Amino acid sequence: EQVLPNRLRRRVSALGAFTVPMLRGADTSTVDPALLTELAAACRDSERLRFSYRSHGGSDSRRTVEPHRLVCTEHRWYLV
């Protein structure tokens, strides 16, 4: 991390500090790393997030959340 510019160092640090690894089958290859760093930064900075959500039944809604951590387990990412 020491060789990274300050802006990137903060983002990488947030990703490490606000991500909970659960090693059983974790696969991050299908998730955009830029999205993960943005979510981790929101956790670090206690920022509210707004996004569109589609339920399992297909209903669309808007959500506002106060994220605390990112958890990866069984090939899925969860925002807690």
N, C-alpha and C. Protein backbone atom coordinates (compact mmCIF):
# COMPACT_ATOMS: atom_id res chain seq x y z
N GLU A 1 0.80 -1.20 0.00
CA GLU A 1 0.00 0.00 0.00
C GLU A 1 0.85 1.27 0.00
N GLN A 2 2.05 1.22 0.53
CA GLN A 2 2.86 2.42 0.68
C GLN A 2 3.24 3.05 -0.65
N VAL A 3 3.29 2.27 -1.72
CA VAL A 3 3.68 2.83 -3.01
C VAL A 3 2.49 3.41 -3.76
N LEU A 4 1.29 3.23 -3.27
CA LEU A 4 0.10 3.75 -3.94
C LEU A 4 -0.08 5.23 -3.65
N PRO A 5 -0.66 5.97 -4.59
CA PRO A 5 -1.03 7.36 -4.31
C PRO A 5 -2.05 7.39 -3.16
N ASN A 6 -2.09 8.49 -2.44
CA ASN A 6 -2.94 8.60 -1.25
C ASN A 6 -4.39 8.24 -1.54
N ARG A 7 -4.95 8.72 -2.66
CA ARG A 7 -6.35 8.46 -2.99
C ARG A 7 -6.60 6.96 -3.12
N LEU A 8 -5.71 6.26 -3.81
CA LEU A 8 -5.86 4.81 -3.99
C LEU A 8 -5.58 4.06 -2.70
N ARG A 9 -4.64 4.54 -1.92
CA ARG A 9 -4.31 3.89 -0.65
C ARG A 9 -5.52 3.86 0.27
N ARG A 10 -6.26 4.97 0.31
CA ARG A 10 -7.47 5.04 1.15
C ARG A 10 -8.52 4.04 0.67
N ARG A 11 -8.66 3.90 -0.65
CA ARG A 11 -9.66 2.98 -1.19
C ARG A 11 -9.29 1.53 -0.91
N VAL A 12 -8.02 1.19 -1.10
CA VAL A 12 -7.56 -0.17 -0.83
C VAL A 12 -7.68 -0.48 0.66
N SER A 13 -7.35 0.48 1.48
CA SER A 13 -7.45 0.31 2.93
C SER A 13 -8.90 0.07 3.34
N ALA A 14 -9.83 0.82 2.77
CA ALA A 14 -11.25 0.64 3.08
C ALA A 14 -11.72 -0.75 2.67
N LEU A 15 -11.27 -1.20 1.52
CA LEU A 15 -11.68 -2.53 1.05
C LEU A 15 -11.23 -3.60 2.03
N GLY A 16 -10.01 -3.48 2.53
CA GLY A 16 -9.51 -4.46 3.50
C GLY A 16 -10.20 -4.36 4.85
N ALA A 17 -10.49 -3.15 5.28
CA ALA A 17 -11.05 -2.94 6.61
C ALA A 17 -12.54 -3.25 6.69
N PHE A 18 -13.27 -3.12 5.59
CA PHE A 18 -14.72 -3.27 5.63
C PHE A 18 -15.23 -4.45 4.82
N THR A 19 -14.35 -5.41 4.57
CA THR A 19 -14.73 -6.64 3.88
C THR A 19 -14.52 -7.82 4.83
N VAL A 20 -15.50 -8.68 4.90
CA VAL A 20 -15.41 -9.87 5.75
C VAL A 20 -15.22 -11.08 4.85
N PRO A 21 -14.03 -11.67 4.83
CA PRO A 21 -13.82 -12.86 3.98
C PRO A 21 -14.38 -14.11 4.66
N MET A 22 -15.10 -14.89 3.89
CA MET A 22 -15.58 -16.19 4.35
C MET A 22 -15.13 -17.16 3.29
N LEU A 23 -14.10 -17.91 3.57
CA LEU A 23 -13.32 -18.62 2.57
C LEU A 23 -14.00 -19.78 1.88
N ARG A 24 -15.09 -20.26 2.35
CA ARG A 24 -15.74 -21.40 1.72
C ARG A 24 -16.29 -21.02 0.35
N GLY A 25 -15.56 -21.29 -0.69
CA GLY A 25 -16.06 -21.10 -2.04
C GLY A 25 -16.18 -19.67 -2.51
N ALA A 26 -15.54 -18.73 -1.87
CA ALA A 26 -15.64 -17.33 -2.29
C ALA A 26 -15.06 -17.15 -3.68
N ASP A 27 -15.81 -16.51 -4.55
CA ASP A 27 -15.38 -16.27 -5.92
C ASP A 27 -15.73 -14.83 -6.27
N THR A 28 -14.72 -13.99 -6.44
CA THR A 28 -14.96 -12.58 -6.71
C THR A 28 -14.80 -12.23 -8.18
N SER A 29 -14.60 -13.21 -9.04
CA SER A 29 -14.27 -12.93 -10.43
C SER A 29 -15.39 -12.28 -11.21
N THR A 30 -16.64 -12.39 -10.77
CA THR A 30 -17.75 -11.82 -11.53
C THR A 30 -18.22 -10.47 -10.99
N VAL A 31 -17.54 -9.93 -10.00
CA VAL A 31 -17.94 -8.66 -9.40
C VAL A 31 -16.95 -7.58 -9.80
N ASP A 32 -17.47 -6.43 -10.19
CA ASP A 32 -16.64 -5.30 -10.60
C ASP A 32 -15.85 -4.79 -9.39
N PRO A 33 -14.51 -4.83 -9.45
CA PRO A 33 -13.70 -4.35 -8.32
C PRO A 33 -13.96 -2.88 -7.99
N ALA A 34 -14.27 -2.07 -8.99
CA ALA A 34 -14.56 -0.66 -8.73
C ALA A 34 -15.81 -0.51 -7.87
N LEU A 35 -16.80 -1.35 -8.11
CA LEU A 35 -18.02 -1.32 -7.29
C LEU A 35 -17.71 -1.73 -5.86
N LEU A 36 -16.90 -2.75 -5.68
CA LEU A 36 -16.54 -3.19 -4.33
C LEU A 36 -15.81 -2.10 -3.57
N THR A 37 -14.89 -1.40 -4.23
CA THR A 37 -14.16 -0.33 -3.53
C THR A 37 -15.08 0.83 -3.19
N GLU A 38 -16.05 1.13 -4.07
CA GLU A 38 -17.01 2.19 -3.77
C GLU A 38 -17.88 1.82 -2.57
N LEU A 39 -18.33 0.58 -2.53
CA LEU A 39 -19.15 0.12 -1.41
C LEU A 39 -18.34 0.12 -0.11
N ALA A 40 -17.09 -0.33 -0.18
CA ALA A 40 -16.23 -0.33 1.01
C ALA A 40 -15.98 1.09 1.50
N ALA A 41 -15.80 2.03 0.58
CA ALA A 41 -15.60 3.43 0.96
C ALA A 41 -16.85 3.98 1.64
N ALA A 42 -18.03 3.60 1.15
CA ALA A 42 -19.28 4.05 1.78
C ALA A 42 -19.39 3.49 3.20
N CYS A 43 -18.95 2.25 3.40
CA CYS A 43 -18.93 1.67 4.75
C CYS A 43 -17.99 2.47 5.65
N ARG A 44 -16.79 2.72 5.15
CA ARG A 44 -15.77 3.44 5.92
C ARG A 44 -16.24 4.84 6.30
N ASP A 45 -16.86 5.54 5.34
CA ASP A 45 -17.24 6.93 5.54
C ASP A 45 -18.65 7.11 6.12
N SER A 46 -19.31 6.01 6.46
CA SER A 46 -20.68 6.04 7.01
C SER A 46 -21.63 6.80 6.10
N GLU A 47 -21.53 6.54 4.81
CA GLU A 47 -22.40 7.20 3.83
C GLU A 47 -23.61 6.33 3.53
N ARG A 48 -24.74 6.96 3.34
CA ARG A 48 -25.93 6.25 2.89
C ARG A 48 -25.81 5.97 1.40
N LEU A 49 -26.35 4.83 0.99
CA LEU A 49 -26.35 4.46 -0.42
C LEU A 49 -27.79 4.35 -0.91
N ARG A 50 -28.02 4.77 -2.16
CA ARG A 50 -29.34 4.62 -2.79
C ARG A 50 -29.14 3.82 -4.06
N PHE A 51 -30.01 2.85 -4.27
CA PHE A 51 -29.90 2.02 -5.47
C PHE A 51 -31.25 1.39 -5.80
N SER A 52 -31.35 0.91 -7.03
CA SER A 52 -32.53 0.17 -7.47
C SER A 52 -32.36 -1.28 -7.05
N TYR A 53 -33.47 -1.91 -6.72
CA TYR A 53 -33.43 -3.30 -6.25
C TYR A 53 -34.56 -4.08 -6.91
N ARG A 54 -34.26 -5.27 -7.35
CA ARG A 54 -35.29 -6.16 -7.90
C ARG A 54 -35.38 -7.39 -7.01
N SER A 55 -36.57 -7.64 -6.49
CA SER A 55 -36.77 -8.78 -5.59
C SER A 55 -36.75 -10.09 -6.37
N HIS A 56 -36.69 -11.18 -5.64
CA HIS A 56 -36.72 -12.51 -6.26
C HIS A 56 -37.99 -12.69 -7.09
N GLY A 57 -39.08 -12.07 -6.66
CA GLY A 57 -40.35 -12.15 -7.39
C GLY A 57 -40.45 -11.21 -8.57
N GLY A 58 -39.43 -10.35 -8.77
CA GLY A 58 -39.40 -9.45 -9.93
C GLY A 58 -39.90 -8.05 -9.68
N SER A 59 -40.26 -7.70 -8.45
CA SER A 59 -40.72 -6.35 -8.14
C SER A 59 -39.54 -5.40 -8.01
N ASP A 60 -39.64 -4.23 -8.65
CA ASP A 60 -38.60 -3.21 -8.59
C ASP A 60 -38.91 -2.20 -7.49
N SER A 61 -37.88 -1.74 -6.79
CA SER A 61 -38.04 -0.70 -5.78
C SER A 61 -36.72 0.06 -5.64
N ARG A 62 -36.78 1.20 -4.95
CA ARG A 62 -35.58 1.97 -4.63
C ARG A 62 -35.27 1.73 -3.16
N ARG A 63 -33.99 1.59 -2.85
CA ARG A 63 -33.56 1.34 -1.48
C ARG A 63 -32.56 2.39 -1.04
N THR A 64 -32.63 2.76 0.22
CA THR A 64 -31.62 3.60 0.86
C THR A 64 -31.10 2.80 2.05
N VAL A 65 -29.78 2.61 2.11
CA VAL A 65 -29.19 1.79 3.17
C VAL A 65 -28.02 2.51 3.82
N GLU A 66 -27.70 2.09 5.03
CA GLU A 66 -26.53 2.55 5.76
C GLU A 66 -25.60 1.34 5.90
N PRO A 67 -24.68 1.15 4.97
CA PRO A 67 -23.85 -0.06 4.95
C PRO A 67 -22.80 -0.08 6.06
N HIS A 68 -22.51 -1.30 6.54
CA HIS A 68 -21.50 -1.47 7.58
C HIS A 68 -20.35 -2.35 7.14
N ARG A 69 -20.64 -3.41 6.36
CA ARG A 69 -19.60 -4.35 5.92
C ARG A 69 -20.01 -5.00 4.60
N LEU A 70 -19.00 -5.54 3.91
CA LEU A 70 -19.21 -6.40 2.75
C LEU A 70 -18.81 -7.81 3.15
N VAL A 71 -19.64 -8.78 2.81
CA VAL A 71 -19.36 -10.17 3.14
C VAL A 71 -19.43 -10.99 1.86
N CYS A 72 -18.42 -11.82 1.64
CA CYS A 72 -18.42 -12.71 0.48
C CYS A 72 -18.44 -14.15 0.98
N THR A 73 -19.44 -14.90 0.56
CA THR A 73 -19.52 -16.31 0.90
C THR A 73 -20.33 -17.05 -0.16
N GLU A 74 -19.93 -18.28 -0.42
CA GLU A 74 -20.63 -19.13 -1.38
C GLU A 74 -20.86 -18.44 -2.73
N HIS A 75 -19.85 -17.77 -3.24
CA HIS A 75 -19.88 -17.12 -4.55
C HIS A 75 -20.82 -15.91 -4.62
N ARG A 76 -21.21 -15.35 -3.49
CA ARG A 76 -22.10 -14.19 -3.48
C ARG A 76 -21.56 -13.12 -2.54
N TRP A 77 -21.80 -11.86 -2.91
CA TRP A 77 -21.43 -10.73 -2.07
C TRP A 77 -22.68 -10.21 -1.38
N TYR A 78 -22.54 -9.86 -0.11
CA TYR A 78 -23.65 -9.30 0.67
C TYR A 78 -23.21 -7.97 1.27
N LEU A 79 -24.09 -6.99 1.21
CA LEU A 79 -23.88 -5.70 1.84
C LEU A 79 -24.65 -5.72 3.15
N VAL A 80 -23.94 -5.60 4.26
CA VAL A 80 -24.57 -5.69 5.58
C VAL A 80 -24.66 -4.30 6.18
